[in-house]
C-alpha atoms as a PDB file:
ATOM      1  CA  MET A   1       0.000   0.000   0.000  1.00  0.00           C
ATOM      2  CA  PHE A   2       2.979   2.307  -0.583  1.00  0.00           C
ATOM      3  CA  THR A   3       3.638   2.607   3.171  1.00  0.00           C
ATOM      4  CA  ALA A   4       5.998   1.145   5.758  1.00  0.00           C
ATOM      5  CA  VAL A   5       3.084  -0.763   7.323  1.00  0.00           C
ATOM      6  CA  PRO A   6       3.258  -4.524   6.571  1.00  0.00           C
ATOM      7  CA  VAL A   7       0.306  -6.241   4.894  1.00  0.00           C
ATOM      8  CA  PRO A   8      -0.723  -9.915   5.094  1.00  0.00           C
ATOM      9  CA  GLY A   9       0.897 -10.765   1.758  1.00  0.00           C
ATOM     10  CA  ARG A  10       4.280  -9.721   3.125  1.00  0.00           C
ATOM     11  CA  TRP A  11       3.811 -11.742   6.282  1.00  0.00           C
ATOM     12  CA  THR A  12       2.870 -14.978   4.518  1.00  0.00           C
ATOM     13  CA  GLY A  13       5.103 -14.633   1.469  1.00  0.00           C
ATOM     14  CA  THR A  14       2.135 -15.103  -0.855  1.00  0.00           C
ATOM     15  CA  PRO A  15       3.135 -14.157  -4.422  1.00  0.00           C
ATOM     16  CA  VAL A  16       1.226 -11.230  -5.899  1.00  0.00           C
ATOM     17  CA  ASP A  17      -0.120 -11.529  -9.449  1.00  0.00           C
ATOM     18  CA  ARG A  18      -1.233  -8.690 -11.722  1.00  0.00           C
ATOM     19  CA  GLY A  19      -4.898  -9.086 -10.840  1.00  0.00           C
ATOM     20  CA  THR A  20      -4.226  -8.870  -7.112  1.00  0.00           C
ATOM     21  CA  ALA A  21      -1.880  -5.922  -7.608  1.00  0.00           C
ATOM     22  CA  GLY A  22      -4.463  -4.080  -9.694  1.00  0.00           C
ATOM     23  CA  ARG A  23      -7.109  -4.533  -7.013  1.00  0.00           C
ATOM     24  CA  ALA A  24      -4.679  -3.355  -4.343  1.00  0.00           C
ATOM     25  CA  VAL A  25      -3.884  -0.205  -6.325  1.00  0.00           C
ATOM     26  CA  CYS A  26      -7.564   0.750  -6.210  1.00  0.00           C
ATOM     27  CA  TRP A  27      -7.274   1.161  -2.430  1.00  0.00           C
ATOM     28  CA  LEU A  28      -4.498   3.725  -2.700  1.00  0.00           C
ATOM     29  CA  PRO A  29      -6.707   6.871  -2.736  1.00  0.00           C
ATOM     30  CA  PHE A  30      -8.324   5.840   0.537  1.00  0.00           C
ATOM     31  CA  VAL A  31      -4.977   4.918   2.065  1.00  0.00           C
ATOM     32  CA  GLY A  32      -3.653   8.309   0.991  1.00  0.00           C
ATOM     33  CA  ALA A  33      -6.583  10.183   2.507  1.00  0.00           C
ATOM     34  CA  LEU A  34      -6.139   8.262   5.764  1.00  0.00           C
ATOM     35  CA  LEU A  35      -2.405   8.969   5.833  1.00  0.00           C
ATOM     36  CA  GLY A  36      -3.046  12.647   5.194  1.00  0.00           C
ATOM     37  CA  ALA A  37      -5.558  12.816   8.026  1.00  0.00           C
ATOM     38  CA  LEU A  38      -3.237  11.017  10.443  1.00  0.00           C
ATOM     39  CA  ALA A  39      -0.285  13.189   9.434  1.00  0.00           C
ATOM     40  CA  GLY A  40      -2.457  16.226  10.103  1.00  0.00           C
ATOM     41  CA  LEU A  41      -2.882  15.309  13.774  1.00  0.00           C
ATOM     42  CA  PRO A  42       0.529  16.726  14.803  1.00  0.00           C
ATOM     43  CA  LEU A  43      -0.463  19.875  12.934  1.00  0.00           C
ATOM     44  CA  LEU A  44      -3.617  20.188  15.024  1.00  0.00           C
ATOM     45  CA  ALA A  45      -1.737  19.492  18.250  1.00  0.00           C
ATOM     46  CA  VAL A  46       1.039  22.012  17.670  1.00  0.00           C
ATOM     47  CA  THR A  47      -1.265  24.782  16.459  1.00  0.00           C
ATOM     48  CA  ALA A  48      -3.369  24.277  19.590  1.00  0.00           C
ATOM     49  CA  LEU A  49      -0.304  24.539  21.830  1.00  0.00           C
ATOM     50  CA  VAL A  50       1.338  27.389  19.911  1.00  0.00           C
ATOM     51  CA  PRO A  51      -1.525  29.430  18.419  1.00  0.00           C
ATOM     52  CA  ASP A  52       0.486  31.707  16.148  1.00  0.00           C
ATOM     53  CA  GLY A  53       2.392  31.572  12.889  1.00  0.00           C
ATOM     54  CA  THR A  54       5.271  29.687  14.486  1.00  0.00           C
ATOM     55  CA  GLY A  55       2.955  26.895  15.580  1.00  0.00           C
ATOM     56  CA  ALA A  56       1.427  26.599  12.133  1.00  0.00           C
ATOM     57  CA  LEU A  57       4.844  26.374  10.482  1.00  0.00           C
ATOM     58  CA  LEU A  58       6.177  23.816  12.957  1.00  0.00           C
ATOM     59  CA  GLY A  59       2.989  21.771  12.760  1.00  0.00           C
ATOM     60  CA  ALA A  60       3.116  21.783   8.964  1.00  0.00           C
ATOM     61  CA  ALA A  61       6.721  20.595   9.014  1.00  0.00           C
ATOM     62  CA  LEU A  62       5.815  17.772  11.409  1.00  0.00           C
ATOM     63  CA  ALA A  63       2.890  16.740   9.210  1.00  0.00           C
ATOM     64  CA  VAL A  64       5.070  16.523   6.103  1.00  0.00           C
ATOM     65  CA  ALA A  65       7.781  14.706   8.073  1.00  0.00           C
ATOM     66  CA  THR A  66       5.200  12.211   9.329  1.00  0.00           C
ATOM     67  CA  LEU A  67       4.165  11.404   5.768  1.00  0.00           C
ATOM     68  CA  ALA A  68       7.783  10.872   4.773  1.00  0.00           C
ATOM     69  CA  LEU A  69       8.409   8.576   7.748  1.00  0.00           C
ATOM     70  CA  VAL A  70       5.281   6.485   7.263  1.00  0.00           C
ATOM     71  CA  THR A  71       6.128   5.954   3.593  1.00  0.00           C
ATOM     72  CA  ARG A  72       9.894   5.644   4.243  1.00  0.00           C
ATOM     73  CA  GLY A  73      10.402   8.382   1.699  1.00  0.00           C
ATOM     74  CA  LEU A  74       9.328   5.986  -1.054  1.00  0.00           C
ATOM     75  CA  HIS A  75       7.463   8.583  -3.104  1.00  0.00           C
ATOM     76  CA  LEU A  76      10.111  11.258  -2.615  1.00  0.00           C
ATOM     77  CA  ASP A  77      12.756   8.827  -3.824  1.00  0.00           C
ATOM     78  CA  GLY A  78      10.625   8.024  -6.860  1.00  0.00           C
ATOM     79  CA  LEU A  79      10.217  11.721  -7.601  1.00  0.00           C
ATOM     80  CA  ALA A  80      13.958  12.322  -7.344  1.00  0.00           C
ATOM     81  CA  ASP A  81      14.798   9.373  -9.603  1.00  0.00           C
ATOM     82  CA  THR A  82      12.187  10.344 -12.191  1.00  0.00           C
ATOM     83  CA  VAL A  83      13.322  13.960 -12.353  1.00  0.00           C
ATOM     84  CA  ASP A  84      16.957  12.869 -12.606  1.00  0.00           C
ATOM     85  CA  GLY A  85      16.092  10.649 -15.558  1.00  0.00           C
ATOM     86  CA  LEU A  86      14.007  13.246 -17.359  1.00  0.00           C
ATOM     87  CA  GLY A  87      16.403  16.055 -16.513  1.00  0.00           C
ATOM     88  CA  SER A  88      19.216  14.257 -18.285  1.00  0.00           C
ATOM     89  CA  SER A  89      17.480  14.940 -21.639  1.00  0.00           C
ATOM     90  CA  ALA A  90      18.752  11.503 -22.652  1.00  0.00           C
ATOM     91  CA  PRO A  91      16.854   8.958 -24.767  1.00  0.00           C
ATOM     92  CA  ALA A  92      14.339   6.787 -22.934  1.00  0.00           C
ATOM     93  CA  ASP A  93      16.642   3.805 -22.403  1.00  0.00           C
ATOM     94  CA  ARG A  94      19.415   5.968 -20.969  1.00  0.00           C
ATOM     95  CA  ALA A  95      16.968   7.951 -18.816  1.00  0.00           C
ATOM     96  CA  LEU A  96      15.619   4.689 -17.380  1.00  0.00           C
ATOM     97  CA  ALA A  97      19.159   3.558 -16.619  1.00  0.00           C
ATOM     98  CA  ILE A  98      19.797   6.822 -14.766  1.00  0.00           C
ATOM     99  CA  MET A  99      16.607   6.313 -12.757  1.00  0.00           C
ATOM    100  CA  ARG A 100      17.859   2.906 -11.606  1.00  0.00           C
ATOM    101  CA  GLN A 101      21.088   4.288 -10.186  1.00  0.00           C
ATOM    102  CA  PRO A 102      21.198   4.295  -6.354  1.00  0.00           C
ATOM    103  CA  ASP A 103      22.486   7.851  -6.028  1.00  0.00           C
ATOM    104  CA  ILE A 104      20.433  11.024  -6.435  1.00  0.00           C
ATOM    105  CA  GLY A 105      21.553  13.738  -8.828  1.00  0.00           C
ATOM    106  CA  PRO A 106      21.234  17.526  -8.522  1.00  0.00           C
ATOM    107  CA  PHE A 107      17.897  17.661 -10.365  1.00  0.00           C
ATOM    108  CA  GLY A 108      16.416  15.182  -7.925  1.00  0.00           C
ATOM    109  CA  VAL A 109      17.758  16.921  -4.824  1.00  0.00           C
ATOM    110  CA  VAL A 110      16.538  20.357  -5.879  1.00  0.00           C
ATOM    111  CA  THR A 111      13.105  19.032  -6.861  1.00  0.00           C
ATOM    112  CA  VAL A 112      12.574  17.192  -3.575  1.00  0.00           C
ATOM    113  CA  VAL A 113      13.688  20.185  -1.497  1.00  0.00           C
ATOM    114  CA  LEU A 114      11.430  22.561  -3.409  1.00  0.00           C
ATOM    115  CA  LEU A 115       8.469  20.202  -3.198  1.00  0.00           C
ATOM    116  CA  LEU A 116       8.866  19.791   0.571  1.00  0.00           C
ATOM    117  CA  LEU A 117       9.092  23.558   0.986  1.00  0.00           C
ATOM    118  CA  VAL A 118       5.929  24.033  -1.063  1.00  0.00           C
ATOM    119  CA  LYS A 119       4.006  21.452   0.962  1.00  0.00           C
ATOM    120  CA  VAL A 120       5.133  22.869   4.306  1.00  0.00           C
ATOM    121  CA  ALA A 121       4.436  26.469   3.261  1.00  0.00           C
ATOM    122  CA  ALA A 122       1.012  25.584   1.870  1.00  0.00           C
ATOM    123  CA  LEU A 123       0.003  23.661   4.978  1.00  0.00           C
ATOM    124  CA  ALA A 124       1.252  26.429   7.250  1.00  0.00           C
ATOM    125  CA  ALA A 125      -0.750  29.016   5.319  1.00  0.00           C
ATOM    126  CA  LEU A 126      -3.880  26.886   5.611  1.00  0.00           C
ATOM    127  CA  ALA A 127      -3.289  26.156   9.299  1.00  0.00           C
ATOM    128  CA  ASN A 128      -2.929  29.862  10.051  1.00  0.00           C
ATOM    129  CA  GLN A 129      -6.531  30.272   8.918  1.00  0.00           C
ATOM    130  CA  ALA A 130      -8.139  27.010  10.065  1.00  0.00           C
ATOM    131  CA  PRO A 131      -6.113  24.018  11.321  1.00  0.00           C
ATOM    132  CA  VAL A 132      -8.950  21.527  10.826  1.00  0.00           C
ATOM    133  CA  ALA A 133      -9.409  22.690   7.245  1.00  0.00           C
ATOM    134  CA  ALA A 134      -5.657  22.243   6.733  1.00  0.00           C
ATOM    135  CA  LEU A 135      -5.906  18.637   7.935  1.00  0.00           C
ATOM    136  CA  LEU A 136      -8.798  17.944   5.572  1.00  0.00           C
ATOM    137  CA  ALA A 137      -6.960  19.586   2.681  1.00  0.00           C
ATOM    138  CA  LEU A 138      -3.936  17.391   3.362  1.00  0.00           C
ATOM    139  CA  ALA A 139      -6.153  14.307   3.346  1.00  0.00           C
ATOM    140  CA  ALA A 140      -7.747  15.367   0.053  1.00  0.00           C
ATOM    141  CA  ALA A 141      -4.378  16.182  -1.524  1.00  0.00           C
ATOM    142  CA  GLU A 142      -2.773  12.887  -0.533  1.00  0.00           C
ATOM    143  CA  GLY A 143      -5.837  11.039  -1.769  1.00  0.00           C
ATOM    144  CA  ALA A 144      -5.651  12.936  -5.066  1.00  0.00           C
ATOM    145  CA  GLY A 145      -1.999  12.050  -5.606  1.00  0.00           C
ATOM    146  CA  ARG A 146      -2.671   8.365  -5.123  1.00  0.00           C
ATOM    147  CA  LEU A 147      -5.814   8.534  -7.227  1.00  0.00           C
ATOM    148  CA  GLY A 148      -3.451   9.706  -9.947  1.00  0.00           C
ATOM    149  CA  VAL A 149      -1.583   6.406  -9.563  1.00  0.00           C
ATOM    150  CA  VAL A 150      -4.827   4.509 -10.165  1.00  0.00           C
ATOM    151  CA  TRP A 151      -5.360   6.485 -13.379  1.00  0.00           C
ATOM    152  CA  ALA A 152      -1.724   5.800 -14.309  1.00  0.00           C
ATOM    153  CA  THR A 153      -2.354   2.039 -14.257  1.00  0.00           C
ATOM    154  CA  GLY A 154      -5.257   2.125 -16.710  1.00  0.00           C
ATOM    155  CA  ALA A 155      -5.669   0.094 -19.862  1.00  0.00           C
ATOM    156  CA  GLY A 156      -3.352   1.304 -22.592  1.00  0.00           C
ATOM    157  CA  VAL A 157      -0.650   2.528 -20.205  1.00  0.00           C
ATOM    158  CA  ALA A 158       2.463   0.439 -20.779  1.00  0.00           C
ATOM    159  CA  SER A 159       5.347  -0.358 -18.490  1.00  0.00           C
ATOM    160  CA  ALA A 160       8.583   1.407 -19.384  1.00  0.00           C
ATOM    161  CA  ARG A 161      10.628  -1.693 -18.560  1.00  0.00           C
ATOM    162  CA  PRO A 162       9.861  -5.437 -18.510  1.00  0.00           C
ATOM    163  CA  GLY A 163      10.249  -5.916 -14.765  1.00  0.00           C
ATOM    164  CA  GLY A 164       9.498  -4.078 -11.547  1.00  0.00           C
ATOM    165  CA  PHE A 165       6.358  -2.659  -9.990  1.00  0.00           C
ATOM    166  CA  GLY A 166       5.411  -0.753 -13.131  1.00  0.00           C
ATOM    167  CA  ALA A 167       5.251  -3.970 -15.135  1.00  0.00           C
ATOM    168  CA  LEU A 168       3.200  -5.601 -12.381  1.00  0.00           C
ATOM    169  CA  VAL A 169       0.388  -3.030 -12.353  1.00  0.00           C
ATOM    170  CA  ALA A 170       0.487  -1.238 -15.723  1.00  0.00           C
ATOM    171  CA  GLY A 171      -2.803  -1.725 -17.550  1.00  0.00           C
ATOM    172  CA  THR A 172      -4.533  -3.483 -14.636  1.00  0.00           C
ATOM    173  CA  THR A 173      -7.276  -0.945 -13.863  1.00  0.00           C
ATOM    174  CA  THR A 174     -10.279   0.058 -15.963  1.00  0.00           C
ATOM    175  CA  ARG A 175     -11.905   3.375 -16.815  1.00  0.00           C
ATOM    176  CA  PRO A 176     -15.139   2.467 -14.931  1.00  0.00           C
ATOM    177  CA  ALA A 177     -13.000   1.792 -11.852  1.00  0.00           C
ATOM    178  CA  HIS A 178     -11.286   5.164 -12.283  1.00  0.00           C
ATOM    179  CA  LEU A 179     -14.601   6.989 -12.484  1.00  0.00           C
ATOM    180  CA  LEU A 180     -16.085   5.074  -9.553  1.00  0.00           C
ATOM    181  CA  LEU A 181     -13.097   5.734  -7.311  1.00  0.00           C
ATOM    182  CA  THR A 182     -12.931   9.391  -8.320  1.00  0.00           C
ATOM    183  CA  SER A 183     -16.623   9.787  -7.513  1.00  0.00           C
ATOM    184  CA  ALA A 184     -16.146   8.087  -4.141  1.00  0.00           C
ATOM    185  CA  VAL A 185     -13.249  10.351  -3.166  1.00  0.00           C
ATOM    186  CA  ALA A 186     -15.152  13.416  -4.391  1.00  0.00           C
ATOM    187  CA  ALA A 187     -18.125  12.366  -2.265  1.00  0.00           C
ATOM    188  CA  GLY A 188     -15.815  12.273   0.742  1.00  0.00           C
ATOM    189  CA  CYS A 189     -14.703  15.816  -0.059  1.00  0.00           C
ATOM    190  CA  LEU A 190     -18.349  16.902   0.137  1.00  0.00           C
ATOM    191  CA  LEU A 191     -18.767  15.723   3.735  1.00  0.00           C
ATOM    192  CA  PRO A 192     -18.348  19.282   5.112  1.00  0.00           C
ATOM    193  CA  LEU A 193     -21.723  20.070   3.535  1.00  0.00           C
ATOM    194  CA  GLY A 194     -23.193  18.124   6.426  1.00  0.00           C
ATOM    195  CA  TRP A 195     -21.523  20.591   8.795  1.00  0.00           C
ATOM    196  CA  ASP A 196     -22.931  23.556   6.854  1.00  0.00           C
ATOM    197  CA  GLN A 197     -19.489  24.311   5.410  1.00  0.00           C
ATOM    198  CA  PRO A 198     -20.079  24.644   1.641  1.00  0.00           C
ATOM    199  CA  ARG A 199     -16.960  26.761   1.092  1.00  0.00           C
ATOM    200  CA  LEU A 200     -14.774  24.110   2.716  1.00  0.00           C
ATOM    201  CA  ALA A 201     -16.427  21.368   0.688  1.00  0.00           C
ATOM    202  CA  GLY A 202     -15.805  23.318  -2.503  1.00  0.00           C
ATOM    203  CA  ALA A 203     -12.166  23.854  -1.558  1.00  0.00           C
ATOM    204  CA  LEU A 204     -11.677  20.132  -0.943  1.00  0.00           C
ATOM    205  CA  VAL A 205     -13.252  19.222  -4.283  1.00  0.00           C
ATOM    206  CA  ALA A 206     -10.970  21.745  -5.984  1.00  0.00           C
ATOM    207  CA  THR A 207      -7.984  20.274  -4.136  1.00  0.00           C
ATOM    208  CA  LEU A 208      -8.927  16.852  -5.463  1.00  0.00           C
ATOM    209  CA  ALA A 209      -9.560  18.090  -9.003  1.00  0.00           C
ATOM    210  CA  VAL A 210      -6.337  20.072  -9.312  1.00  0.00           C
ATOM    211  CA  GLY A 211      -4.253  17.361  -7.652  1.00  0.00           C
ATOM    212  CA  LEU A 212      -5.656  14.651  -9.909  1.00  0.00           C
ATOM    213  CA  GLY A 213      -5.352  16.856 -12.985  1.00  0.00           C
ATOM    214  CA  ALA A 214      -1.703  17.594 -12.234  1.00  0.00           C
ATOM    215  CA  ALA A 215      -0.999  13.911 -11.582  1.00  0.00           C
ATOM    216  CA  VAL A 216      -2.583  12.837 -14.873  1.00  0.00           C
ATOM    217  CA  ALA A 217      -0.800  15.570 -16.841  1.00  0.00           C
ATOM    218  CA  TRP A 218       2.557  14.623 -15.329  1.00  0.00           C
ATOM    219  CA  ARG A 219       2.004  10.922 -16.042  1.00  0.00           C
ATOM    220  CA  ARG A 220       1.211  11.687 -19.682  1.00  0.00           C
ATOM    221  CA  HIS A 221       4.374  13.743 -20.010  1.00  0.00           C
ATOM    222  CA  VAL A 222       6.505  11.003 -18.476  1.00  0.00           C
ATOM    223  CA  VAL A 223       4.953   8.306 -20.663  1.00  0.00           C
ATOM    224  CA  ARG A 224       5.737  10.364 -23.762  1.00  0.00           C
ATOM    225  CA  ARG A 225       9.367  10.603 -22.650  1.00  0.00           C
ATOM    226  CA  LEU A 226       9.922   7.097 -21.304  1.00  0.00           C
ATOM    227  CA  GLY A 227       7.376   5.060 -23.219  1.00  0.00           C
ATOM    228  CA  GLY A 228       5.600   3.885 -20.080  1.00  0.00           C
ATOM    229  CA  VAL A 229       5.466   3.925 -16.287  1.00  0.00           C
ATOM    230  CA  THR A 230       7.691   2.581 -13.522  1.00  0.00           C
ATOM    231  CA  GLY A 231       7.480   2.408  -9.753  1.00  0.00           C
ATOM    232  CA  ASP A 232       9.502   5.620  -9.565  1.00  0.00           C
ATOM    233  CA  VAL A 233       7.025   7.336 -11.865  1.00  0.00           C
ATOM    234  CA  PHE A 234       4.192   6.385  -9.514  1.00  0.00           C
ATOM    235  CA  GLY A 235       6.068   7.995  -6.627  1.00  0.00           C
ATOM    236  CA  SER A 236       6.470  11.204  -8.602  1.00  0.00           C
ATOM    237  CA  VAL A 237       2.765  11.149  -9.484  1.00  0.00           C
ATOM    238  CA  VAL A 238       1.839  10.907  -5.792  1.00  0.00           C
ATOM    239  CA  GLU A 239       4.086  13.754  -4.677  1.00  0.00           C
ATOM    240  CA  LEU A 240       3.383  16.205  -7.488  1.00  0.00           C
ATOM    241  CA  GLY A 241      -0.352  15.552  -7.367  1.00  0.00           C
ATOM    242  CA  ALA A 242      -0.466  16.141  -3.610  1.00  0.00           C
ATOM    243  CA  ALA A 243       1.607  19.328  -3.835  1.00  0.00           C
ATOM    244  CA  ALA A 244      -0.576  20.713  -6.623  1.00  0.00           C
ATOM    245  CA  GLY A 245      -3.688  19.960  -4.603  1.00  0.00           C
ATOM    246  CA  LEU A 246      -2.353  21.815  -1.568  1.00  0.00           C
ATOM    247  CA  LEU A 247      -1.438  24.807  -3.714  1.00  0.00           C
ATOM    248  CA  ALA A 248      -4.984  24.906  -5.044  1.00  0.00           C
ATOM    249  CA  ALA A 249      -6.346  24.824  -1.499  1.00  0.00           C
ATOM    250  CA  VAL A 250      -4.157  27.777  -0.503  1.00  0.00           C
ATOM    251  CA  LEU A 251      -5.136  29.849  -3.523  1.00  0.00           C
ATOM    252  CA  LEU A 252      -8.830  29.214  -2.896  1.00  0.00           C
ATOM    253  CA  SER A 253      -8.531  30.046   0.786  1.00  0.00           C
ATOM    254  CA  SER A 254      -6.894  33.359  -0.109  1.00  0.00           C
ATOM    255  CA  ALA A 255      -9.462  34.295  -2.751  1.00  0.00           C
END
């Protein structure tokens, strides 16, 4: 589930086939939303203890750090590797070889640092206005990024290399599943309507829409360059989709 938490298949050593992997991928948006909500708890705690801009900034940093710890930096590593490969301007086969290297190049380092700064700054800005809304926006953004992974495993999307996680899940999900999952996550974003918070509900839907749109656009760009997807590409989809969603939430809250 793209986290450091073990699942039964890992405990028992049961081999995972493409069908099982495709079904597991469909749970990622809900896992992402849950992770975002849990990571937002330190944000709520710190802003309650230190009710000023310093508390919001520290809480935002702790929330982003919590996400990185729970996922063991898996998505950030994928983002760095993908950007290193694309930033080389090399042909697809050479770019893929660069992505497999264990070290991180300057493109990857700069991209990860900038992305973390954007996420922390966006969360802090939201928390300065309403900490609970910031938590919900983080949940929606993380769900959007992982929903982008579901869309990236649809029929017609090839794997960029014969082995690895990309080859396991590429082409395993269907368009009806994409639409159903997107509708389910969007319905969750509308829950604030029950609390008479239409503006918050609208902001969460926009967070989801922008995050998913950015994730899909990035995946299309990468597929054009590499010829398909890889596990690293999925990590970059998660991180860029989530960051774009948080930026949308900040812009809407400031409007």
